[in-house]
Amino acid sequence: MSEAVSRTTVKISSISLARPKLTGVFLALVLITFLCLLFVWSRIHAINLEYDISSLEREIRVQQQQIEKLSLETAYLARDERIEQLAKEHLGLRAPIPGQTIRIE
């Protein structure tokens, strides 16, 4: 049994019928799959960012309305007539008579 087993490849008009290597095809499929997953992830990330932006814009509108409301309330509370009325009613203050004021120059 010392016969040597030899493999032969059949060549027909310079075409080899040897087993094709699938490494290149496998790598190409892995690369395409990776690129598809990357694209899907980027789209999902972009959509999530759009939702975040929308929610922040909504919050900005609410805060601007709150600022406007507080500005109106500040203007109402700082009116001279209201402060004078509160001083008379709650603190018992009254306008000074001419002898109570001293002019400093």
PDB file of N, CA and C in Angstrom:
ATOM      1  N   MET A   1       0.802  -1.173   0.000  1.00  0.00           N
ATOM      2  CA  MET A   1       0.000   0.000   0.000  1.00  0.00           C
ATOM      3  C   MET A   1       0.851   1.244   0.000  1.00  0.00           C
ATOM      4  N   SER A   2       1.837   1.182  -0.596  1.00  0.00           N
ATOM      5  CA  SER A   2       2.702   2.330  -0.664  1.00  0.00           C
ATOM      6  C   SER A   2       2.401   3.193  -1.871  1.00  0.00           C
ATOM      7  N   GLU A   3       1.236   3.013  -2.368  1.00  0.00           N
ATOM      8  CA  GLU A   3       0.879   3.828  -3.525  1.00  0.00           C
ATOM      9  C   GLU A   3       0.568   5.253  -3.061  1.00  0.00           C
ATOM     10  N   ALA A   4       0.999   6.183  -3.802  1.00  0.00           N
ATOM     11  CA  ALA A   4       0.737   7.586  -3.481  1.00  0.00           C
ATOM     12  C   ALA A   4      -0.568   7.993  -4.129  1.00  0.00           C
ATOM     13  N   VAL A   5      -1.412   8.604  -3.329  1.00  0.00           N
ATOM     14  CA  VAL A   5      -2.691   9.083  -3.848  1.00  0.00           C
ATOM     15  C   VAL A   5      -2.468  10.512  -4.313  1.00  0.00           C
ATOM     16  N   SER A   6      -2.757  10.736  -5.507  1.00  0.00           N
ATOM     17  CA  SER A   6      -2.549  12.082  -6.033  1.00  0.00           C
ATOM     18  C   SER A   6      -3.892  12.699  -6.405  1.00  0.00           C
ATOM     19  N   ARG A   7      -3.980  13.964  -6.144  1.00  0.00           N
ATOM     20  CA  ARG A   7      -5.194  14.698  -6.515  1.00  0.00           C
ATOM     21  C   ARG A   7      -4.973  15.277  -7.889  1.00  0.00           C
ATOM     22  N   THR A   8      -5.982  15.191  -8.636  1.00  0.00           N
ATOM     23  CA  THR A   8      -5.873  15.754  -9.968  1.00  0.00           C
ATOM     24  C   THR A   8      -6.951  16.800 -10.140  1.00  0.00           C
ATOM     25  N   THR A   9      -6.622  17.828 -10.798  1.00  0.00           N
ATOM     26  CA  THR A   9      -7.604  18.838 -11.161  1.00  0.00           C
ATOM     27  C   THR A   9      -7.767  18.785 -12.658  1.00  0.00           C
ATOM     28  N   VAL A  10      -8.974  18.891 -13.049  1.00  0.00           N
ATOM     29  CA  VAL A  10      -9.270  18.803 -14.464  1.00  0.00           C
ATOM     30  C   VAL A  10      -9.277  20.213 -15.022  1.00  0.00           C
ATOM     31  N   LYS A  11      -8.561  20.412 -16.077  1.00  0.00           N
ATOM     32  CA  LYS A  11      -8.546  21.715 -16.744  1.00  0.00           C
ATOM     33  C   LYS A  11      -9.148  21.547 -18.120  1.00  0.00           C
ATOM     34  N   ILE A  12     -10.149  22.321 -18.363  1.00  0.00           N
ATOM     35  CA  ILE A  12     -10.764  22.298 -19.675  1.00  0.00           C
ATOM     36  C   ILE A  12     -10.613  23.694 -20.240  1.00  0.00           C
ATOM     37  N   SER A  13      -9.892  23.772 -21.294  1.00  0.00           N
ATOM     38  CA  SER A  13      -9.602  25.032 -21.983  1.00  0.00           C
ATOM     39  C   SER A  13      -9.261  26.141 -20.999  1.00  0.00           C
ATOM     40  N   SER A  14      -8.310  25.903 -20.186  1.00  0.00           N
ATOM     41  CA  SER A  14      -7.743  26.813 -19.196  1.00  0.00           C
ATOM     42  C   SER A  14      -8.729  27.226 -18.095  1.00  0.00           C
ATOM     43  N   ILE A  15      -9.738  26.404 -17.831  1.00  0.00           N
ATOM     44  CA  ILE A  15     -10.655  26.644 -16.720  1.00  0.00           C
ATOM     45  C   ILE A  15     -10.407  25.541 -15.711  1.00  0.00           C
ATOM     46  N   SER A  16     -10.115  25.933 -14.502  1.00  0.00           N
ATOM     47  CA  SER A  16      -9.844  24.959 -13.458  1.00  0.00           C
ATOM     48  C   SER A  16     -11.141  24.625 -12.736  1.00  0.00           C
ATOM     49  N   LEU A  17     -11.372  23.353 -12.492  1.00  0.00           N
ATOM     50  CA  LEU A  17     -12.578  22.929 -11.797  1.00  0.00           C
ATOM     51  C   LEU A  17     -12.296  22.624 -10.335  1.00  0.00           C
ATOM     52  N   ALA A  18     -11.332  23.306  -9.755  1.00  0.00           N
ATOM     53  CA  ALA A  18     -11.020  23.110  -8.346  1.00  0.00           C
ATOM     54  C   ALA A  18     -12.104  23.759  -7.494  1.00  0.00           C
ATOM     55  N   ARG A  19     -12.146  23.374  -6.228  1.00  0.00           N
ATOM     56  CA  ARG A  19     -13.155  23.895  -5.305  1.00  0.00           C
ATOM     57  C   ARG A  19     -12.950  25.402  -5.120  1.00  0.00           C
ATOM     58  N   PRO A  20     -14.021  26.217  -5.304  1.00  0.00           N
ATOM     59  CA  PRO A  20     -13.852  27.672  -5.162  1.00  0.00           C
ATOM     60  C   PRO A  20     -13.673  28.045  -3.696  1.00  0.00           C
ATOM     61  N   LYS A  21     -12.945  29.103  -3.447  1.00  0.00           N
ATOM     62  CA  LYS A  21     -12.732  29.589  -2.084  1.00  0.00           C
ATOM     63  C   LYS A  21     -13.866  30.541  -1.733  1.00  0.00           C
ATOM     64  N   LEU A  22     -14.516  30.283  -0.615  1.00  0.00           N
ATOM     65  CA  LEU A  22     -15.663  31.084  -0.194  1.00  0.00           C
ATOM     66  C   LEU A  22     -15.273  32.175   0.791  1.00  0.00           C
ATOM     67  N   THR A  23     -14.027  32.316   1.088  1.00  0.00           N
ATOM     68  CA  THR A  23     -13.588  33.318   2.052  1.00  0.00           C
ATOM     69  C   THR A  23     -13.943  34.729   1.585  1.00  0.00           C
ATOM     70  N   GLY A  24     -13.696  35.023   0.344  1.00  0.00           N
ATOM     71  CA  GLY A  24     -14.006  36.352  -0.190  1.00  0.00           C
ATOM     72  C   GLY A  24     -15.493  36.641  -0.174  1.00  0.00           C
ATOM     73  N   VAL A  25     -16.295  35.647  -0.547  1.00  0.00           N
ATOM     74  CA  VAL A  25     -17.749  35.819  -0.549  1.00  0.00           C
ATOM     75  C   VAL A  25     -18.251  36.011   0.884  1.00  0.00           C
ATOM     76  N   PHE A  26     -17.729  35.213   1.807  1.00  0.00           N
ATOM     77  CA  PHE A  26     -18.125  35.333   3.211  1.00  0.00           C
ATOM     78  C   PHE A  26     -17.766  36.709   3.765  1.00  0.00           C
ATOM     79  N   LEU A  27     -16.579  37.182   3.487  1.00  0.00           N
ATOM     80  CA  LEU A  27     -16.166  38.516   3.956  1.00  0.00           C
ATOM     81  C   LEU A  27     -17.039  39.611   3.350  1.00  0.00           C
ATOM     82  N   ALA A  28     -17.397  39.458   2.079  1.00  0.00           N
ATOM     83  CA  ALA A  28     -18.262  40.447   1.436  1.00  0.00           C
ATOM     84  C   ALA A  28     -19.637  40.466   2.102  1.00  0.00           C
ATOM     85  N   LEU A  29     -20.189  39.287   2.414  1.00  0.00           N
ATOM     86  CA  LEU A  29     -21.488  39.222   3.088  1.00  0.00           C
ATOM     87  C   LEU A  29     -21.423  39.830   4.485  1.00  0.00           C
ATOM     88  N   VAL A  30     -20.350  39.553   5.202  1.00  0.00           N
ATOM     89  CA  VAL A  30     -20.184  40.132   6.538  1.00  0.00           C
ATOM     90  C   VAL A  30     -20.092  41.650   6.442  1.00  0.00           C
ATOM     91  N   LEU A  31     -19.343  42.156   5.475  1.00  0.00           N
ATOM     92  CA  LEU A  31     -19.199  43.602   5.299  1.00  0.00           C
ATOM     93  C   LEU A  31     -20.538  44.244   4.941  1.00  0.00           C
ATOM     94  N   ILE A  32     -21.285  43.634   4.042  1.00  0.00           N
ATOM     95  CA  ILE A  32     -22.590  44.180   3.646  1.00  0.00           C
ATOM     96  C   ILE A  32     -23.551  44.171   4.837  1.00  0.00           C
ATOM     97  N   THR A  33     -23.539  43.080   5.604  1.00  0.00           N
ATOM     98  CA  THR A  33     -24.394  43.000   6.791  1.00  0.00           C
ATOM     99  C   THR A  33     -24.030  44.085   7.798  1.00  0.00           C
ATOM    100  N   PHE A  34     -22.746  44.270   8.015  1.00  0.00           N
ATOM    101  CA  PHE A  34     -22.288  45.307   8.944  1.00  0.00           C
ATOM    102  C   PHE A  34     -22.717  46.689   8.478  1.00  0.00           C
ATOM    103  N   LEU A  35     -22.572  46.968   7.193  1.00  0.00           N
ATOM    104  CA  LEU A  35     -22.961  48.281   6.669  1.00  0.00           C
ATOM    105  C   LEU A  35     -24.473  48.497   6.784  1.00  0.00           C
ATOM    106  N   CYS A  36     -25.256  47.442   6.552  1.00  0.00           N
ATOM    107  CA  CYS A  36     -26.712  47.563   6.699  1.00  0.00           C
ATOM    108  C   CYS A  36     -27.089  47.856   8.149  1.00  0.00           C
ATOM    109  N   LEU A  37     -26.462  47.143   9.076  1.00  0.00           N
ATOM    110  CA  LEU A  37     -26.737  47.390  10.491  1.00  0.00           C
ATOM    111  C   LEU A  37     -26.322  48.800  10.899  1.00  0.00           C
ATOM    112  N   LEU A  38     -25.204  49.265  10.382  1.00  0.00           N
ATOM    113  CA  LEU A  38     -24.750  50.622  10.671  1.00  0.00           C
ATOM    114  C   LEU A  38     -25.749  51.651  10.147  1.00  0.00           C
ATOM    115  N   PHE A  39     -26.269  51.426   8.950  1.00  0.00           N
ATOM    116  CA  PHE A  39     -27.250  52.344   8.376  1.00  0.00           C
ATOM    117  C   PHE A  39     -28.527  52.364   9.212  1.00  0.00           C
ATOM    118  N   VAL A  40     -29.020  51.190   9.605  1.00  0.00           N
ATOM    119  CA  VAL A  40     -30.241  51.112  10.412  1.00  0.00           C
ATOM    120  C   VAL A  40     -30.025  51.799  11.755  1.00  0.00           C
ATOM    121  N   TRP A  41     -28.878  51.558  12.379  1.00  0.00           N
ATOM    122  CA  TRP A  41     -28.588  52.197  13.664  1.00  0.00           C
ATOM    123  C   TRP A  41     -28.561  53.713  13.516  1.00  0.00           C
ATOM    124  N   SER A  42     -27.945  54.206  12.432  1.00  0.00           N
ATOM    125  CA  SER A  42     -27.859  55.662  12.257  1.00  0.00           C
ATOM    126  C   SER A  42     -29.244  56.274  12.052  1.00  0.00           C
ATOM    127  N   ARG A  43     -30.129  55.584  11.340  1.00  0.00           N
ATOM    128  CA  ARG A  43     -31.482  56.100  11.142  1.00  0.00           C
ATOM    129  C   ARG A  43     -32.259  56.118  12.464  1.00  0.00           C
ATOM    130  N   ILE A  44     -32.121  55.052  13.247  1.00  0.00           N
ATOM    131  CA  ILE A  44     -32.804  55.005  14.543  1.00  0.00           C
ATOM    132  C   ILE A  44     -32.280  56.112  15.447  1.00  0.00           C
ATOM    133  N   HIS A  45     -30.979  56.323  15.427  1.00  0.00           N
ATOM    134  CA  HIS A  45     -30.378  57.383  16.241  1.00  0.00           C
ATOM    135  C   HIS A  45     -30.886  58.757  15.789  1.00  0.00           C
ATOM    136  N   ALA A  46     -30.986  58.972  14.485  1.00  0.00           N
ATOM    137  CA  ALA A  46     -31.481  60.248  13.964  1.00  0.00           C
ATOM    138  C   ALA A  46     -32.934  60.476  14.378  1.00  0.00           C
ATOM    139  N   ILE A  47     -33.747  59.434  14.328  1.00  0.00           N
ATOM    140  CA  ILE A  47     -35.154  59.563  14.727  1.00  0.00           C
ATOM    141  C   ILE A  47     -35.251  59.884  16.212  1.00  0.00           C
ATOM    142  N   ASN A  48     -34.442  59.225  17.029  1.00  0.00           N
ATOM    143  CA  ASN A  48     -34.447  59.525  18.467  1.00  0.00           C
ATOM    144  C   ASN A  48     -34.013  60.962  18.732  1.00  0.00           C
ATOM    145  N   LEU A  49     -33.039  61.451  17.980  1.00  0.00           N
ATOM    146  CA  LEU A  49     -32.613  62.845  18.143  1.00  0.00           C
ATOM    147  C   LEU A  49     -33.729  63.809  17.750  1.00  0.00           C
ATOM    148  N   GLU A  50     -34.477  63.473  16.701  1.00  0.00           N
ATOM    149  CA  GLU A  50     -35.602  64.316  16.300  1.00  0.00           C
ATOM    150  C   GLU A  50     -36.662  64.364  17.399  1.00  0.00           C
ATOM    151  N   TYR A  51     -36.932  63.220  18.038  1.00  0.00           N
ATOM    152  CA  TYR A  51     -37.878  63.204  19.159  1.00  0.00           C
ATOM    153  C   TYR A  51     -37.364  64.066  20.308  1.00  0.00           C
ATOM    154  N   ASP A  52     -36.077  63.975  20.597  1.00  0.00           N
ATOM    155  CA  ASP A  52     -35.502  64.786  21.673  1.00  0.00           C
ATOM    156  C   ASP A  52     -35.617  66.274  21.358  1.00  0.00           C
ATOM    157  N   ILE A  53     -35.321  66.648  20.120  1.00  0.00           N
ATOM    158  CA  ILE A  53     -35.414  68.052  19.708  1.00  0.00           C
ATOM    159  C   ILE A  53     -36.854  68.538  19.827  1.00  0.00           C
ATOM    160  N   SER A  54     -37.797  67.717  19.395  1.00  0.00           N
ATOM    161  CA  SER A  54     -39.209  68.086  19.478  1.00  0.00           C
ATOM    162  C   SER A  54     -39.630  68.307  20.925  1.00  0.00           C
ATOM    163  N   SER A  55     -39.203  67.424  21.799  1.00  0.00           N
ATOM    164  CA  SER A  55     -39.573  67.577  23.207  1.00  0.00           C
ATOM    165  C   SER A  55     -38.919  68.807  23.820  1.00  0.00           C
ATOM    166  N   LEU A  56     -37.680  69.111  23.450  1.00  0.00           N
ATOM    167  CA  LEU A  56     -37.011  70.308  23.970  1.00  0.00           C
ATOM    168  C   LEU A  56     -37.666  71.583  23.449  1.00  0.00           C
ATOM    169  N   GLU A  57     -38.095  71.578  22.188  1.00  0.00           N
ATOM    170  CA  GLU A  57     -38.786  72.750  21.649  1.00  0.00           C
ATOM    171  C   GLU A  57     -40.107  72.977  22.379  1.00  0.00           C
ATOM    172  N   ARG A  58     -40.812  71.889  22.677  1.00  0.00           N
ATOM    173  CA  ARG A  58     -42.058  71.999  23.436  1.00  0.00           C
ATOM    174  C   ARG A  58     -41.782  72.573  24.821  1.00  0.00           C
ATOM    175  N   GLU A  59     -40.726  72.118  25.454  1.00  0.00           N
ATOM    176  CA  GLU A  59     -40.369  72.627  26.782  1.00  0.00           C
ATOM    177  C   GLU A  59     -39.982  74.104  26.719  1.00  0.00           C
ATOM    178  N   ILE A  60     -39.300  74.513  25.662  1.00  0.00           N
ATOM    179  CA  ILE A  60     -38.930  75.925  25.487  1.00  0.00           C
ATOM    180  C   ILE A  60     -40.190  76.782  25.380  1.00  0.00           C
ATOM    181  N   ARG A  61     -41.186  76.307  24.602  1.00  0.00           N
ATOM    182  CA  ARG A  61     -42.434  77.075  24.476  1.00  0.00           C
ATOM    183  C   ARG A  61     -43.131  77.221  25.826  1.00  0.00           C
ATOM    184  N   VAL A  62     -43.149  76.152  26.605  1.00  0.00           N
ATOM    185  CA  VAL A  62     -43.789  76.210  27.927  1.00  0.00           C
ATOM    186  C   VAL A  62     -43.049  77.196  28.820  1.00  0.00           C
ATOM    187  N   GLN A  63     -41.722  77.166  28.800  1.00  0.00           N
ATOM    188  CA  GLN A  63     -40.928  78.075  29.638  1.00  0.00           C
ATOM    189  C   GLN A  63     -41.108  79.530  29.193  1.00  0.00           C
ATOM    190  N   GLN A  64     -41.217  79.772  27.884  1.00  0.00           N
ATOM    191  CA  GLN A  64     -41.439  81.135  27.404  1.00  0.00           C
ATOM    192  C   GLN A  64     -42.801  81.656  27.865  1.00  0.00           C
ATOM    193  N   GLN A  65     -43.812  80.794  27.853  1.00  0.00           N
ATOM    194  CA  GLN A  65     -45.123  81.202  28.357  1.00  0.00           C
ATOM    195  C   GLN A  65     -45.052  81.505  29.850  1.00  0.00           C
ATOM    196  N   GLN A  66     -44.292  80.709  30.574  1.00  0.00           N
ATOM    197  CA  GLN A  66     -44.123  80.940  32.014  1.00  0.00           C
ATOM    198  C   GLN A  66     -43.413  82.272  32.261  1.00  0.00           C
ATOM    199  N   ILE A  67     -42.391  82.577  31.456  1.00  0.00           N
ATOM    200  CA  ILE A  67     -41.670  83.850  31.590  1.00  0.00           C
ATOM    201  C   ILE A  67     -42.614  85.021  31.325  1.00  0.00           C
ATOM    202  N   GLU A  68     -43.434  84.898  30.288  1.00  0.00           N
ATOM    203  CA  GLU A  68     -44.376  85.971  29.972  1.00  0.00           C
ATOM    204  C   GLU A  68     -45.375  86.170  31.115  1.00  0.00           C
ATOM    205  N   LYS A  69     -45.866  85.070  31.662  1.00  0.00           N
ATOM    206  CA  LYS A  69     -46.812  85.151  32.780  1.00  0.00           C
ATOM    207  C   LYS A  69     -46.163  85.809  33.994  1.00  0.00           C
ATOM    208  N   LEU A  70     -44.929  85.422  34.306  1.00  0.00           N
ATOM    209  CA  LEU A  70     -44.241  86.000  35.461  1.00  0.00           C
ATOM    210  C   LEU A  70     -43.897  87.469  35.236  1.00  0.00           C
ATOM    211  N   SER A  71     -43.594  87.852  34.013  1.00  0.00           N
ATOM    212  CA  SER A  71     -43.327  89.268  33.716  1.00  0.00           C
ATOM    213  C   SER A  71     -44.571  90.108  33.947  1.00  0.00           C
ATOM    214  N   LEU A  72     -45.715  89.600  33.511  1.00  0.00           N
ATOM    215  CA  LEU A  72     -46.968  90.325  33.745  1.00  0.00           C
ATOM    216  C   LEU A  72     -47.273  90.417  35.235  1.00  0.00           C
ATOM    217  N   GLU A  73     -47.032  89.340  35.954  1.00  0.00           N
ATOM    218  CA  GLU A  73     -47.279  89.349  37.396  1.00  0.00           C
ATOM    219  C   GLU A  73     -46.348  90.327  38.106  1.00  0.00           C
ATOM    220  N   THR A  74     -45.094  90.391  37.677  1.00  0.00           N
ATOM    221  CA  THR A  74     -44.137  91.336  38.260  1.00  0.00           C
ATOM    222  C   THR A  74     -44.574  92.772  37.999  1.00  0.00           C
ATOM    223  N   ALA A  75     -45.020  93.037  36.780  1.00  0.00           N
ATOM    224  CA  ALA A  75     -45.481  94.387  36.452  1.00  0.00           C
ATOM    225  C   ALA A  75     -46.698  94.757  37.298  1.00  0.00           C
ATOM    226  N   TYR A  76     -47.594  93.812  37.523  1.00  0.00           N
ATOM    227  CA  TYR A  76     -48.776  94.085  38.344  1.00  0.00           C
ATOM    228  C   TYR A  76     -48.379  94.348  39.797  1.00  0.00           C
ATOM    229  N   LEU A  77     -47.500  93.520  40.339  1.00  0.00           N
ATOM    230  CA  LEU A  77     -47.128  93.661  41.748  1.00  0.00           C
ATOM    231  C   LEU A  77     -46.276  94.899  42.011  1.00  0.00           C
ATOM    232  N   ALA A  78     -45.568  95.400  41.008  1.00  0.00           N
ATOM    233  CA  ALA A  78     -44.674  96.543  41.212  1.00  0.00           C
ATOM    234  C   ALA A  78     -45.344  97.887  40.918  1.00  0.00           C
ATOM    235  N   ARG A  79     -46.656  97.907  40.689  1.00  0.00           N
ATOM    236  CA  ARG A  79     -47.338  99.178  40.413  1.00  0.00           C
ATOM    237  C   ARG A  79     -47.281 100.083  41.639  1.00  0.00           C
ATOM    238  N   ASP A  80     -47.031 101.362  41.403  1.00  0.00           N
ATOM    239  CA  ASP A  80     -46.935 102.331  42.503  1.00  0.00           C
ATOM    240  C   ASP A  80     -48.243 102.439  43.285  1.00  0.00           C
ATOM    241  N   GLU A  81     -49.372 102.434  42.584  1.00  0.00           N
ATOM    242  CA  GLU A  81     -50.666 102.562  43.260  1.00  0.00           C
ATOM    243  C   GLU A  81     -50.897 101.393  44.215  1.00  0.00           C
ATOM    244  N   ARG A  82     -50.545 100.199  43.804  1.00  0.00           N
ATOM    245  CA  ARG A  82     -50.737  99.011  44.640  1.00  0.00           C
ATOM    246  C   ARG A  82     -49.840  99.072  45.874  1.00  0.00           C
ATOM    247  N   ILE A  83     -48.582  99.467  45.678  1.00  0.00           N
ATOM    248  CA  ILE A  83     -47.648  99.546  46.806  1.00  0.00           C
ATOM    249  C   ILE A  83     -48.112 100.612  47.802  1.00  0.00           C
ATOM    250  N   GLU A  84     -48.587 101.740  47.290  1.00  0.00           N
ATOM    251  CA  GLU A  84     -49.084 102.807  48.176  1.00  0.00           C
ATOM    252  C   GLU A  84     -50.308 102.339  48.957  1.00  0.00           C
ATOM    253  N   GLN A  85     -51.200 101.632  48.304  1.00  0.00           N
ATOM    254  CA  GLN A  85     -52.393 101.122  48.974  1.00  0.00           C
ATOM    255  C   GLN A  85     -52.004 100.106  50.055  1.00  0.00           C
ATOM    256  N   LEU A  86     -51.071  99.218  49.766  1.00  0.00           N
ATOM    257  CA  LEU A  86     -50.630  98.239  50.771  1.00  0.00           C
ATOM    258  C   LEU A  86     -49.951  98.927  51.952  1.00  0.00           C
ATOM    259  N   ALA A  87     -49.178  99.971  51.668  1.00  0.00           N
ATOM    260  CA  ALA A  87     -48.499 100.702  52.746  1.00  0.00           C
ATOM    261  C   ALA A  87     -49.515 101.363  53.670  1.00  0.00           C
ATOM    262  N   LYS A  88     -50.580 101.909  53.118  1.00  0.00           N
ATOM    263  CA  LYS A  88     -51.601 102.563  53.943  1.00  0.00           C
ATOM    264  C   LYS A  88     -52.425 101.544  54.725  1.00  0.00           C
ATOM    265  N   GLU A  89     -52.852 100.469  54.057  1.00  0.00           N
ATOM    266  CA  GLU A  89     -53.765  99.515  54.693  1.00  0.00           C
ATOM    267  C   GLU A  89     -53.062  98.603  55.698  1.00  0.00           C
ATOM    268  N   HIS A  90     -51.934  98.042  55.338  1.00  0.00           N
ATOM    269  CA  HIS A  90     -51.298  97.027  56.182  1.00  0.00           C
ATOM    270  C   HIS A  90     -50.228  97.588  57.121  1.00  0.00           C
ATOM    271  N   LEU A  91     -49.548  98.637  56.700  1.00  0.00           N
ATOM    272  CA  LEU A  91     -48.466  99.167  57.526  1.00  0.00           C
ATOM    273  C   LEU A  91     -48.859 100.442  58.267  1.00  0.00           C
ATOM    274  N   GLY A  92     -49.998 101.004  57.921  1.00  0.00           N
ATOM    275  CA  GLY A  92     -50.453 102.217  58.587  1.00  0.00           C
ATOM    276  C   GLY A  92     -49.649 103.450  58.204  1.00  0.00           C
ATOM    277  N   LEU A  93     -49.021 103.447  57.078  1.00  0.00           N
ATOM    278  CA  LEU A  93     -48.233 104.604  56.639  1.00  0.00           C
ATOM    279  C   LEU A  93     -49.157 105.638  56.013  1.00  0.00           C
ATOM    280  N   ARG A  94     -48.716 106.883  56.056  1.00  0.00           N
ATOM    281  CA  ARG A  94     -49.468 107.962  55.421  1.00  0.00           C
ATOM    282  C   ARG A  94     -48.485 108.935  54.800  1.00  0.00           C
ATOM    283  N   ALA A  95     -48.982 109.811  53.976  1.00  0.00           N
ATOM    284  CA  ALA A  95     -48.117 110.803  53.328  1.00  0.00           C
ATOM    285  C   ALA A  95     -47.583 111.762  54.385  1.00  0.00           C
ATOM    286  N   PRO A  96     -46.331 112.178  54.302  1.00  0.00           N
ATOM    287  CA  PRO A  96     -45.765 113.081  55.317  1.00  0.00           C
ATOM    288  C   PRO A  96     -46.361 114.481  55.188  1.00  0.00           C
ATOM    289  N   ILE A  97     -46.468 115.150  56.326  1.00  0.00           N
ATOM    290  CA  ILE A  97     -46.912 116.547  56.311  1.00  0.00           C
ATOM    291  C   ILE A  97     -45.677 117.403  56.041  1.00  0.00           C
ATOM    292  N   PRO A  98     -45.856 118.641  55.614  1.00  0.00           N
ATOM    293  CA  PRO A  98     -44.703 119.455  55.208  1.00  0.00           C
ATOM    294  C   PRO A  98     -43.615 119.600  56.256  1.00  0.00           C
ATOM    295  N   GLY A  99     -43.882 119.547  57.502  1.00  0.00           N
ATOM    296  CA  GLY A  99     -42.857 119.716  58.530  1.00  0.00           C
ATOM    297  C   GLY A  99     -42.030 118.457  58.760  1.00  0.00           C
ATOM    298  N   GLN A 100     -42.492 117.309  58.261  1.00  0.00           N
ATOM    299  CA  GLN A 100     -41.787 116.056  58.505  1.00  0.00           C
ATOM    300  C   GLN A 100     -40.684 115.772  57.488  1.00  0.00           C
ATOM    301  N   THR A 101     -40.670 116.457  56.420  1.00  0.00           N
ATOM    302  CA  THR A 101     -39.654 116.187  55.398  1.00  0.00           C
ATOM    303  C   THR A 101     -38.510 117.163  55.529  1.00  0.00           C
ATOM    304  N   ILE A 102     -37.312 116.669  55.397  1.00  0.00           N
ATOM    305  CA  ILE A 102     -36.109 117.504  55.452  1.00  0.00           C
ATOM    306  C   ILE A 102     -35.400 117.347  54.118  1.00  0.00           C
ATOM    307  N   ARG A 103     -35.088 118.457  53.539  1.00  0.00           N
ATOM    308  CA  ARG A 103     -34.420 118.436  52.244  1.00  0.00           C
ATOM    309  C   ARG A 103     -32.918 118.508  52.462  1.00  0.00           C
ATOM    310  N   ILE A 104     -32.199 117.544  51.947  1.00  0.00           N
ATOM    311  CA  ILE A 104     -30.743 117.513  52.086  1.00  0.00           C
ATOM    312  C   ILE A 104     -30.139 117.920  50.753  1.00  0.00           C
ATOM    313  N   GLU A 105     -29.233 118.885  50.837  1.00  0.00           N
ATOM    314  CA  GLU A 105     -28.607 119.371  49.604  1.00  0.00           C
ATOM    315  C   GLU A 105     -27.155 119.039  49.561  1.00  0.00           C
TER     316      GLU A 105
END
